[in-house]
């Protein structure tokens, strides 16, 4: 057979004819131009806007970052600078704290210049502040390092607000230090006049110790006060450079609100103690007074129960109406026969710490104890406990379908209380939360379905 040459069977076109092929090539060229134009000016991933007119020049696409507009690129740069400023200034503050301890406290203690009581009066809880700063700074630095390791050069994955809220317990430590600052300075002035060796040590340290930067002890003792008042400013800068769609935006605002409320509370306590100095105030809104009152009530509750702050969770808090029925027949007569009084109620839960890590300890562990703290609602800002806290391990919580706007709490072998909120839905929420921890504490309640006696039966099914 005659072998056919390969040139005889090869086709010079795509098999669909020259005219359709030309149209297809033209359509493909138009599509490519459209894609290049969209790629050059596609919406910004941060704000969704287009910052420049639509152009088809491919060079314009290469001159700008395709996923960010000019405004958002500048905002990311500002946010990165603000985040780094927050971390760097926290590190500088920590260095000042270590100077206070290593260059003043320890040498004065070793030389016997002051007694332990005098050292405590001057330096207050400086060790607590050092420990908190080291833990806080360690987590912040880990966030920065992890972001760079993952290629996040803009530090968009760093959530300062979330980390700050995890360490919100450092604010009471600042409060303790600030409230003692006036007495600390007065004690230092008196001792410096009284003890010549102390005066010589302080003068030599300031002039010859290069680590002090020619600053005296009083200047370093002001570092915690300066730091706590700088937090709102630093957080405001980060908030300004963070879009509302960022996952840390809400936490940043909450962190800023918490620190501002604590500053107001410190100022309030300072005035109550008769001091003339105050910290810089940042709050201008009407919620300021209410937030300060909440902080004061939490401190009163913590002092009453004697729990560690890091092991305590404030599950619920707010105003409730309370009545103490004279007998058990009040349900048949109706809640209108009871005499209610307004009361501030706080539900506190003592949780076992899961680990030593401050971040991991936020994970709730087994419940050790739960109490209701009842505080009289006063207008003068001073709070008084109605009675000792109600331990839910010794209480039975129930409600009745015929009186669903209230719930009853019975303290075994003692008293009975009837609670209600002005809002019925919130009353039910209080009841569910209190009953949950009451049942969780005590195996006998689980066996008896939260009834005070195994022989008791009720005609209604309790919720």
Protein backbone atom coordinates (compact mmCIF):
# COMPACT_ATOMS: atom_id res chain seq x y z
CA UNK A 1 0.00 0.00 0.00
CA UNK A 2 1.15 3.52 -0.76
CA UNK A 3 2.15 5.28 2.45
CA UNK A 4 0.39 8.62 2.91
CA UNK A 5 2.59 11.59 3.68
CA UNK A 6 1.99 13.32 7.02
CA UNK A 7 1.61 16.67 5.21
CA UNK A 8 -1.44 15.25 3.39
CA UNK A 9 -3.39 14.62 6.62
CA UNK A 10 -2.37 17.62 8.75
CA UNK A 11 -4.87 20.48 8.96
CA UNK A 12 -3.76 24.07 8.83
CA UNK A 13 -6.72 25.36 10.94
CA UNK A 14 -8.71 24.29 14.00
CA UNK A 15 -11.29 22.46 11.95
CA UNK A 16 -14.00 25.09 12.39
CA UNK A 17 -13.10 27.25 9.45
CA UNK A 18 -11.16 30.49 9.17
CA UNK A 19 -14.03 32.93 9.79
CA UNK A 20 -15.27 31.40 13.10
CA UNK A 21 -11.69 31.04 14.30
CA UNK A 22 -11.04 34.74 13.66
CA UNK A 23 -14.19 35.71 15.61
CA UNK A 24 -13.19 33.48 18.51
CA UNK A 25 -9.73 35.05 18.64
CA UNK A 26 -11.28 38.53 18.66
CA UNK A 27 -13.68 37.55 21.45
CA UNK A 28 -10.83 36.07 23.48
CA UNK A 29 -8.82 39.26 23.05
CA UNK A 30 -11.76 41.38 24.23
CA UNK A 31 -12.29 39.13 27.25
CA UNK A 32 -8.63 39.34 28.19
CA UNK A 33 -8.75 43.14 27.98
CA UNK A 34 -11.84 43.19 30.21
CA UNK A 35 -10.20 40.93 32.78
CA UNK A 36 -7.09 43.10 32.79
CA UNK A 37 -9.22 46.20 33.29
CA UNK A 38 -11.15 44.60 36.18
CA UNK A 39 -7.93 43.28 37.70
CA UNK A 40 -6.41 46.74 37.51
CA UNK A 41 -9.31 48.34 39.42
CA UNK A 42 -11.18 45.61 41.21
CA UNK A 43 -12.89 46.57 44.51
CA UNK A 44 -10.66 47.01 47.55
CA UNK A 45 -10.78 44.00 49.87
CA UNK A 46 -10.91 46.26 52.95
CA UNK A 47 -13.53 48.86 52.00
CA UNK A 48 -15.04 47.49 48.75
CA UNK A 49 -14.55 50.78 46.89
CA UNK A 50 -12.63 51.70 43.74
CA UNK A 51 -10.25 54.58 44.28
CA UNK A 52 -9.28 55.27 40.61
CA UNK A 53 -11.15 55.57 37.27
CA UNK A 54 -11.35 52.38 35.23
CA UNK A 55 -8.41 52.10 32.81
CA UNK A 56 -7.19 49.27 30.59
CA UNK A 57 -3.50 50.06 30.85
CA UNK A 58 -1.79 46.99 32.27
CA UNK A 59 1.04 49.13 33.66
CA UNK A 60 -1.41 50.87 36.00
CA UNK A 61 -2.30 47.46 37.39
CA UNK A 62 1.34 46.81 38.20
CA UNK A 63 1.81 50.22 39.80
CA UNK A 64 -0.66 49.59 42.64
CA UNK A 65 -1.52 46.67 44.87
CA UNK A 66 -4.45 44.91 43.22
CA UNK A 67 -6.40 44.12 46.40
CA UNK A 68 -6.18 47.43 48.31
CA UNK A 69 -7.07 51.00 47.54
CA UNK A 70 -4.74 53.84 48.43
CA UNK A 71 -6.77 54.84 51.49
CA UNK A 72 -6.84 51.33 52.95
CA UNK A 73 -3.19 50.73 52.22
CA UNK A 74 -2.38 53.86 54.21
CA UNK A 75 -4.74 52.75 56.97
CA UNK A 76 -3.01 49.38 57.23
CA UNK A 77 0.33 51.12 57.54
CA UNK A 78 -1.04 53.32 60.33
CA UNK A 79 -2.51 50.29 62.09
CA UNK A 80 0.77 48.41 61.94
CA UNK A 81 2.62 51.41 63.38
CA UNK A 82 0.01 51.76 66.17
CA UNK A 83 0.21 48.07 67.06
CA UNK A 84 4.01 48.14 67.17
CA UNK A 85 3.88 51.33 69.27
CA UNK A 86 1.58 49.59 71.75
CA UNK A 87 3.93 46.61 72.09
CA UNK A 88 7.16 48.66 72.15
CA UNK A 89 5.88 51.08 74.78
CA UNK A 90 4.70 48.13 76.89
CA UNK A 91 8.24 46.76 76.70
CA UNK A 92 9.71 50.14 77.72
CA UNK A 93 7.27 50.35 80.63
CA UNK A 94 8.32 46.87 81.73
CA UNK A 95 11.97 47.92 81.63
CA UNK A 96 11.19 50.85 83.94
CA UNK A 97 9.47 48.46 86.35
CA UNK A 98 12.52 46.21 86.41
CA UNK A 99 14.76 49.23 87.07
CA UNK A 100 12.60 50.11 90.08
CA UNK A 101 13.09 46.62 91.46
CA UNK A 102 16.72 45.90 90.53
CA UNK A 103 18.27 49.35 90.93
CA UNK A 104 16.30 50.64 93.91
CA UNK A 105 14.23 48.06 95.79
CA UNK A 106 16.73 45.19 95.97
CA UNK A 107 19.82 47.34 96.76
CA UNK A 108 17.92 49.23 99.47
CA UNK A 109 16.69 45.94 100.92
CA UNK A 110 20.14 44.31 100.82
CA UNK A 111 21.82 47.34 102.45
CA UNK A 112 19.16 47.55 105.14
CA UNK A 113 18.43 51.17 104.34
CA UNK A 114 14.72 50.64 105.00
CA UNK A 115 12.60 48.11 106.83
CA UNK A 116 10.35 45.72 104.94
CA UNK A 117 7.31 47.71 106.01
CA UNK A 118 8.85 50.93 104.71
CA UNK A 119 9.79 49.27 101.41
CA UNK A 120 6.23 48.03 101.02
CA UNK A 121 4.91 51.52 101.75
CA UNK A 122 7.09 53.09 99.03
CA UNK A 123 7.03 50.42 96.32
CA UNK A 124 3.51 49.11 96.98
CA UNK A 125 2.56 46.15 94.70
CA UNK A 126 5.37 46.72 92.19
CA UNK A 127 6.10 42.97 91.96
CA UNK A 128 2.50 42.27 90.93
CA UNK A 129 2.77 44.86 88.17
CA UNK A 130 6.06 43.31 86.99
CA UNK A 131 4.52 39.84 86.79
CA UNK A 132 1.49 41.11 84.86
CA UNK A 133 3.65 43.11 82.46
CA UNK A 134 5.88 40.11 81.71
CA UNK A 135 2.91 37.84 80.96
CA UNK A 136 1.10 40.52 78.93
CA UNK A 137 4.20 41.40 76.91
CA UNK A 138 5.00 37.73 76.25
CA UNK A 139 1.60 37.12 74.66
CA UNK A 140 1.80 40.35 72.65
CA UNK A 141 5.23 39.44 71.31
CA UNK A 142 4.02 35.95 70.40
CA UNK A 143 1.18 37.53 68.39
CA UNK A 144 3.64 39.75 66.50
CA UNK A 145 6.09 36.92 65.80
CA UNK A 146 3.35 34.57 64.64
CA UNK A 147 1.97 37.19 62.25
CA UNK A 148 5.37 37.75 60.64
CA UNK A 149 6.00 33.99 60.42
CA UNK A 150 2.72 33.58 58.54
CA UNK A 151 3.63 36.32 56.06
CA UNK A 152 1.28 38.91 57.59
CA UNK A 153 3.55 41.92 57.18
CA UNK A 154 0.67 44.32 57.94
CA UNK A 155 -0.06 42.59 61.29
CA UNK A 156 -3.75 42.34 60.41
CA UNK A 157 -4.02 39.04 62.32
CA UNK A 158 -2.78 40.63 65.56
CA UNK A 159 -5.75 41.24 67.89
CA UNK A 160 -4.61 43.66 70.59
CA UNK A 161 -8.16 44.08 71.91
CA UNK A 162 -8.67 40.38 72.55
CA UNK A 163 -5.32 40.06 74.33
CA UNK A 164 -6.03 43.14 76.44
CA UNK A 165 -9.39 41.73 77.57
CA UNK A 166 -7.68 38.48 78.56
CA UNK A 167 -5.46 40.51 80.90
CA UNK A 168 -8.17 42.87 82.14
CA UNK A 169 -7.41 41.72 85.71
CA UNK A 170 -4.30 43.87 85.61
CA UNK A 171 -6.50 46.98 85.94
CA UNK A 172 -7.26 46.39 89.67
CA UNK A 173 -3.51 46.02 90.20
CA UNK A 174 -3.01 49.47 88.65
CA UNK A 175 -5.76 50.77 90.91
CA UNK A 176 -4.04 49.46 94.04
CA UNK A 177 -0.79 51.13 93.02
CA UNK A 178 -2.38 54.45 92.03
CA UNK A 179 -4.37 54.79 95.24
CA UNK A 180 -1.19 54.32 97.31
CA UNK A 181 0.92 56.67 95.19
CA UNK A 182 0.29 59.79 97.27
CA UNK A 183 1.18 58.10 100.57
CA UNK A 184 4.21 56.44 98.93
CA UNK A 185 5.68 59.76 97.81
CA UNK A 186 5.02 61.34 101.20
CA UNK A 187 6.74 58.44 102.95
CA UNK A 188 9.73 58.64 100.60
CA UNK A 189 10.10 62.39 101.23
CA UNK A 190 9.95 61.93 104.99
CA UNK A 191 12.45 59.05 105.02
CA UNK A 192 14.87 60.89 102.74
CA UNK A 193 14.99 63.80 105.17
CA UNK A 194 15.33 61.45 108.13
CA UNK A 195 17.93 58.97 106.79
CA UNK A 196 21.18 60.41 105.44
CA UNK A 197 22.38 57.10 103.97
CA UNK A 198 19.16 56.84 101.96
CA UNK A 199 19.61 60.37 100.64
CA UNK A 200 23.21 59.63 99.61
CA UNK A 201 22.20 56.38 97.89
CA UNK A 202 19.48 58.10 95.87
CA UNK A 203 21.76 60.96 94.79
CA UNK A 204 24.62 58.65 93.77
CA UNK A 205 22.23 56.38 91.86
CA UNK A 206 20.78 59.27 89.88
CA UNK A 207 24.15 60.78 88.97
CA UNK A 208 26.35 57.69 88.47
CA UNK A 209 24.01 54.84 87.44
CA UNK A 210 23.73 55.01 83.62
CA UNK A 211 20.74 52.64 83.64
CA UNK A 212 18.65 55.35 85.33
CA UNK A 213 19.14 57.89 82.51
CA UNK A 214 19.75 60.55 85.22
CA UNK A 215 16.20 60.09 86.49
CA UNK A 216 15.38 59.92 90.20
CA UNK A 217 13.30 57.33 92.02
CA UNK A 218 10.19 59.53 92.06
CA UNK A 219 10.18 59.69 88.27
CA UNK A 220 10.30 55.91 87.96
CA UNK A 221 7.56 55.47 90.56
CA UNK A 222 5.27 57.48 88.26
CA UNK A 223 5.67 54.92 85.44
CA UNK A 224 2.56 52.82 86.30
CA UNK A 225 0.36 55.94 86.52
CA UNK A 226 1.63 57.18 83.17
CA UNK A 227 1.15 53.76 81.59
CA UNK A 228 -2.43 53.19 82.71
CA UNK A 229 -3.50 56.62 81.41
CA UNK A 230 -1.79 55.98 78.07
CA UNK A 231 -3.76 52.80 77.32
CA UNK A 232 -6.89 54.64 76.10
CA UNK A 233 -4.81 56.80 73.75
CA UNK A 234 -2.96 53.83 72.27
CA UNK A 235 -6.17 51.83 71.85
CA UNK A 236 -7.87 54.83 70.21
CA UNK A 237 -5.13 55.01 67.59
CA UNK A 238 -5.50 51.33 66.77
CA UNK A 239 -9.31 51.64 66.62
CA UNK A 240 -9.04 54.59 64.24
CA UNK A 241 -6.87 52.53 61.86
CA UNK A 242 -9.01 49.36 62.14
CA UNK A 243 -12.04 48.85 59.91
CA UNK A 244 -15.33 47.94 61.58
CA UNK A 245 -15.26 44.59 59.74
CA UNK A 246 -12.03 43.53 61.44
CA UNK A 247 -12.60 40.71 63.99
CA UNK A 248 -10.79 42.70 66.69
CA UNK A 249 -12.77 45.92 66.25
CA UNK A 250 -15.40 45.11 68.90
CA UNK A 251 -12.79 43.88 71.39
CA UNK A 252 -10.74 47.03 70.93
CA UNK A 253 -13.74 49.22 71.76
CA UNK A 254 -14.63 47.10 74.78
CA UNK A 255 -11.03 47.20 76.03
CA UNK A 256 -10.97 50.99 75.68
CA UNK A 257 -14.27 51.28 77.56
CA UNK A 258 -13.05 49.03 80.37
CA UNK A 259 -9.84 50.98 80.95
CA UNK A 260 -11.67 54.32 80.84
CA UNK A 261 -14.19 53.09 83.42
CA UNK A 262 -11.39 51.96 85.73
CA UNK A 263 -9.69 55.34 85.43
CA UNK A 264 -12.94 57.00 86.47
CA UNK A 265 -13.25 54.58 89.35
CA UNK A 266 -9.70 55.35 90.50
CA UNK A 267 -10.52 59.07 90.45
CA UNK A 268 -13.68 58.46 92.47
CA UNK A 269 -11.77 56.44 95.10
CA UNK A 270 -9.07 59.12 95.19
CA UNK A 271 -11.62 61.83 96.02
CA UNK A 272 -13.21 59.63 98.69
CA UNK A 273 -9.82 59.25 100.39
CA UNK A 274 -9.28 63.03 100.40
CA UNK A 275 -6.47 63.20 97.83
CA UNK A 276 -6.30 66.20 95.53
CA UNK A 277 -4.62 64.54 92.52
CA UNK A 278 -6.60 62.70 89.84
CA UNK A 279 -5.76 60.72 86.73
CA UNK A 280 -6.64 62.02 83.31
CA UNK A 281 -10.34 61.50 82.57
CA UNK A 282 -11.45 60.19 79.18
CA UNK A 283 -15.14 59.46 79.69
CA UNK A 284 -17.71 61.97 78.48
CA UNK A 285 -20.79 59.80 78.00
CA UNK A 286 -23.72 59.19 80.34
CA UNK A 287 -22.75 55.55 80.98
CA UNK A 288 -19.72 56.62 82.98
CA UNK A 289 -21.46 56.67 86.36
CA UNK A 290 -23.16 53.31 85.84
CA UNK A 291 -19.92 51.59 84.80
CA UNK A 292 -18.04 52.99 87.78
CA UNK A 293 -20.79 51.76 90.10
CA UNK A 294 -20.51 48.28 88.57
CA UNK A 295 -16.76 48.20 89.29
CA UNK A 296 -17.39 49.30 92.86
CA UNK A 297 -19.99 46.56 93.38
CA UNK A 298 -17.68 43.88 91.97
CA UNK A 299 -14.91 44.94 94.34
CA UNK A 300 -17.34 44.82 97.28
CA UNK A 301 -18.51 41.34 96.23
CA UNK A 302 -14.95 40.02 95.79
CA UNK A 303 -13.88 41.39 99.15
CA UNK A 304 -16.91 39.75 100.77
CA UNK A 305 -16.43 36.24 99.35
CA UNK A 306 -12.62 36.35 99.58
CA UNK A 307 -12.00 34.64 96.22
CA UNK A 308 -9.05 35.18 93.90
CA UNK A 309 -9.92 37.58 91.12
CA UNK A 310 -8.52 35.34 88.36
CA UNK A 311 -10.71 32.44 89.53
CA UNK A 312 -13.92 34.48 89.70
CA UNK A 313 -16.51 34.91 86.97
CA UNK A 314 -19.30 37.47 87.22
CA UNK A 315 -22.06 35.54 85.45
CA UNK A 316 -24.84 38.08 85.95
CA UNK A 317 -25.28 41.38 87.73
CA UNK A 318 -28.01 43.96 87.90
CA UNK A 319 -31.04 45.23 89.74
CA UNK A 320 -33.67 42.79 91.03
CA UNK A 321 -36.70 43.14 93.26
CA UNK A 322 -36.58 41.00 96.40
CA UNK A 323 -39.21 39.95 98.90
CA UNK A 324 -39.17 37.63 101.90
CA UNK A 325 -42.55 35.85 102.22
CA UNK A 326 -43.73 35.22 105.78
CA UNK A 327 -45.05 31.75 104.88
CA UNK A 328 -45.13 29.26 102.03
CA UNK A 329 -48.66 30.18 100.91
CA UNK A 330 -47.67 33.32 99.01
CA UNK A 331 -48.11 31.63 95.61
CA UNK A 332 -51.82 31.07 96.22
CA UNK A 333 -52.25 34.66 97.35
CA UNK A 334 -50.16 36.00 94.45
CA UNK A 335 -46.96 38.02 94.29
CA UNK A 336 -48.94 41.26 94.63
CA UNK A 337 -49.29 40.54 98.34
CA UNK A 338 -45.53 40.61 98.80
CA UNK A 339 -43.54 43.71 99.67
CA UNK A 340 -40.62 44.02 97.23
CA UNK A 341 -37.52 46.16 97.60
CA UNK A 342 -34.92 47.05 94.98
CA UNK A 343 -31.62 45.24 95.34
CA UNK A 344 -28.36 44.96 93.39
CA UNK A 345 -27.66 41.26 92.83
CA UNK A 346 -24.41 39.69 91.58
CA UNK A 347 -24.07 36.04 90.62
CA UNK A 348 -20.43 34.99 91.19
CA UNK A 349 -18.94 31.64 90.22
CA UNK A 350 -15.60 30.35 91.49
CA UNK A 351 -13.95 28.30 88.72
CA UNK A 352 -10.93 26.05 88.98
CA UNK A 353 -8.09 27.20 86.74
CA UNK A 354 -7.43 24.83 83.85
CA UNK A 355 -3.79 25.86 83.45
CA UNK A 356 -1.31 28.50 84.53
CA UNK A 357 -1.51 30.28 81.18
CA UNK A 358 -3.60 33.42 81.44
CA UNK A 359 -5.13 32.84 78.03
CA UNK A 360 -5.93 29.20 78.62
CA UNK A 361 -7.39 29.91 82.04
CA UNK A 362 -10.22 31.72 80.30
CA UNK A 363 -11.53 28.27 79.41
CA UNK A 364 -14.07 27.50 82.17
CA UNK A 365 -13.14 24.65 84.47
CA UNK A 366 -15.16 22.78 87.11
CA UNK A 367 -17.29 24.95 89.35
CA UNK A 368 -15.95 25.14 92.91
CA UNK A 369 -18.58 27.44 94.36
CA UNK A 370 -21.33 29.88 93.38
CA UNK A 371 -22.93 32.65 95.42
CA UNK A 372 -25.49 35.42 95.17
CA UNK A 373 -24.33 38.71 96.67
CA UNK A 374 -27.19 41.03 97.67
CA UNK A 375 -26.32 44.72 97.91
CA UNK A 376 -28.69 47.48 98.97
CA UNK A 377 -29.28 49.98 96.19
CA UNK A 378 -28.07 53.28 97.62
CA UNK A 379 -27.96 56.69 95.95
CA UNK A 380 -24.90 58.02 97.76
CA UNK A 381 -22.52 55.57 96.08
CA UNK A 382 -21.81 53.57 99.23
CA UNK A 383 -22.89 49.94 99.15
CA UNK A 384 -23.97 47.81 102.07
CA UNK A 385 -24.61 44.09 102.02
CA UNK A 386 -28.11 42.98 102.89
CA UNK A 387 -26.71 39.81 104.46
CA UNK A 388 -23.88 37.33 103.93
CA UNK A 389 -23.75 35.85 100.40
CA UNK A 390 -26.24 33.11 99.52
CA UNK A 391 -24.25 29.96 98.68
CA UNK A 392 -26.10 28.14 95.93
CA UNK A 393 -24.79 24.79 97.16
CA UNK A 394 -27.19 25.24 100.10
CA UNK A 395 -30.11 26.61 98.11
CA UNK A 396 -33.06 25.31 96.12
CA UNK A 397 -34.35 27.38 93.22
CA UNK A 398 -37.82 26.85 91.79
CA UNK A 399 -40.66 28.59 90.03
CA UNK A 400 -44.40 28.01 89.78
CA UNK A 401 -46.54 28.12 86.59
CA UNK A 402 -49.21 30.09 88.45
CA UNK A 403 -46.72 32.84 89.24
CA UNK A 404 -44.28 32.91 86.33
CA UNK A 405 -43.15 36.51 86.85
CA UNK A 406 -41.11 35.48 89.91
CA UNK A 407 -38.85 32.68 91.13
CA UNK A 408 -38.16 31.47 94.65
CA UNK A 409 -34.84 30.69 96.29
CA UNK A 410 -34.92 28.70 99.53
CA UNK A 411 -31.84 28.58 101.72
CA UNK A 412 -32.06 25.23 103.50
CA UNK A 413 -32.91 25.52 107.19
CA UNK A 414 -32.83 29.29 106.99
CA UNK A 415 -34.75 31.74 104.79
CA UNK A 416 -36.75 31.99 101.59
CA UNK A 417 -36.49 34.78 99.02
CA UNK A 418 -38.67 35.71 96.07
CA UNK A 419 -37.00 37.53 93.15
CA UNK A 420 -38.33 39.25 90.08
CA UNK A 421 -37.13 41.64 87.41
CA UNK A 422 -39.17 44.39 85.80
CA UNK A 423 -38.76 42.44 82.56
CA UNK A 424 -40.30 38.96 82.65
CA UNK A 425 -37.86 37.50 80.12
CA UNK A 426 -34.92 38.69 82.21
CA UNK A 427 -36.53 37.17 85.30
CA UNK A 428 -36.56 33.80 83.54
CA UNK A 429 -32.93 34.27 82.51
CA UNK A 430 -31.90 34.95 86.11
CA UNK A 431 -33.82 31.86 87.22
CA UNK A 432 -32.17 29.57 84.65
CA UNK A 433 -28.67 30.78 85.50
CA UNK A 434 -29.10 30.48 89.27
CA UNK A 435 -30.78 27.09 89.00
CA UNK A 436 -28.00 25.82 86.73
CA UNK A 437 -25.25 26.44 89.30
CA UNK A 438 -27.46 25.39 92.19
CA UNK A 439 -27.95 21.97 90.59
CA UNK A 440 -24.31 21.71 89.61
CA UNK A 441 -23.13 22.08 93.21
CA UNK A 442 -24.24 19.05 95.24
CA UNK A 443 -25.00 15.52 94.07
CA UNK A 444 -28.05 15.16 96.32
CA UNK A 445 -29.88 17.84 94.31
CA UNK A 446 -29.45 15.81 91.13
CA UNK A 447 -30.88 12.70 92.75
CA UNK A 448 -33.85 14.51 94.22
CA UNK A 449 -34.51 16.76 91.22
CA UNK A 450 -33.68 19.86 93.27
CA UNK A 451 -36.40 19.14 95.85
CA UNK A 452 -35.64 19.83 99.52
CA UNK A 453 -37.04 16.47 100.64
CA UNK A 454 -37.31 13.20 98.72
CA UNK A 455 -40.88 12.75 99.95
CA UNK A 456 -42.08 16.06 98.54
CA UNK A 457 -44.18 15.95 95.41
CA UNK A 458 -45.73 18.78 93.43
CA UNK A 459 -48.77 18.84 91.16
CA UNK A 460 -46.89 20.82 88.53
CA UNK A 461 -43.81 19.98 86.55
CA UNK A 462 -41.05 22.36 87.46
CA UNK A 463 -39.32 24.00 84.49
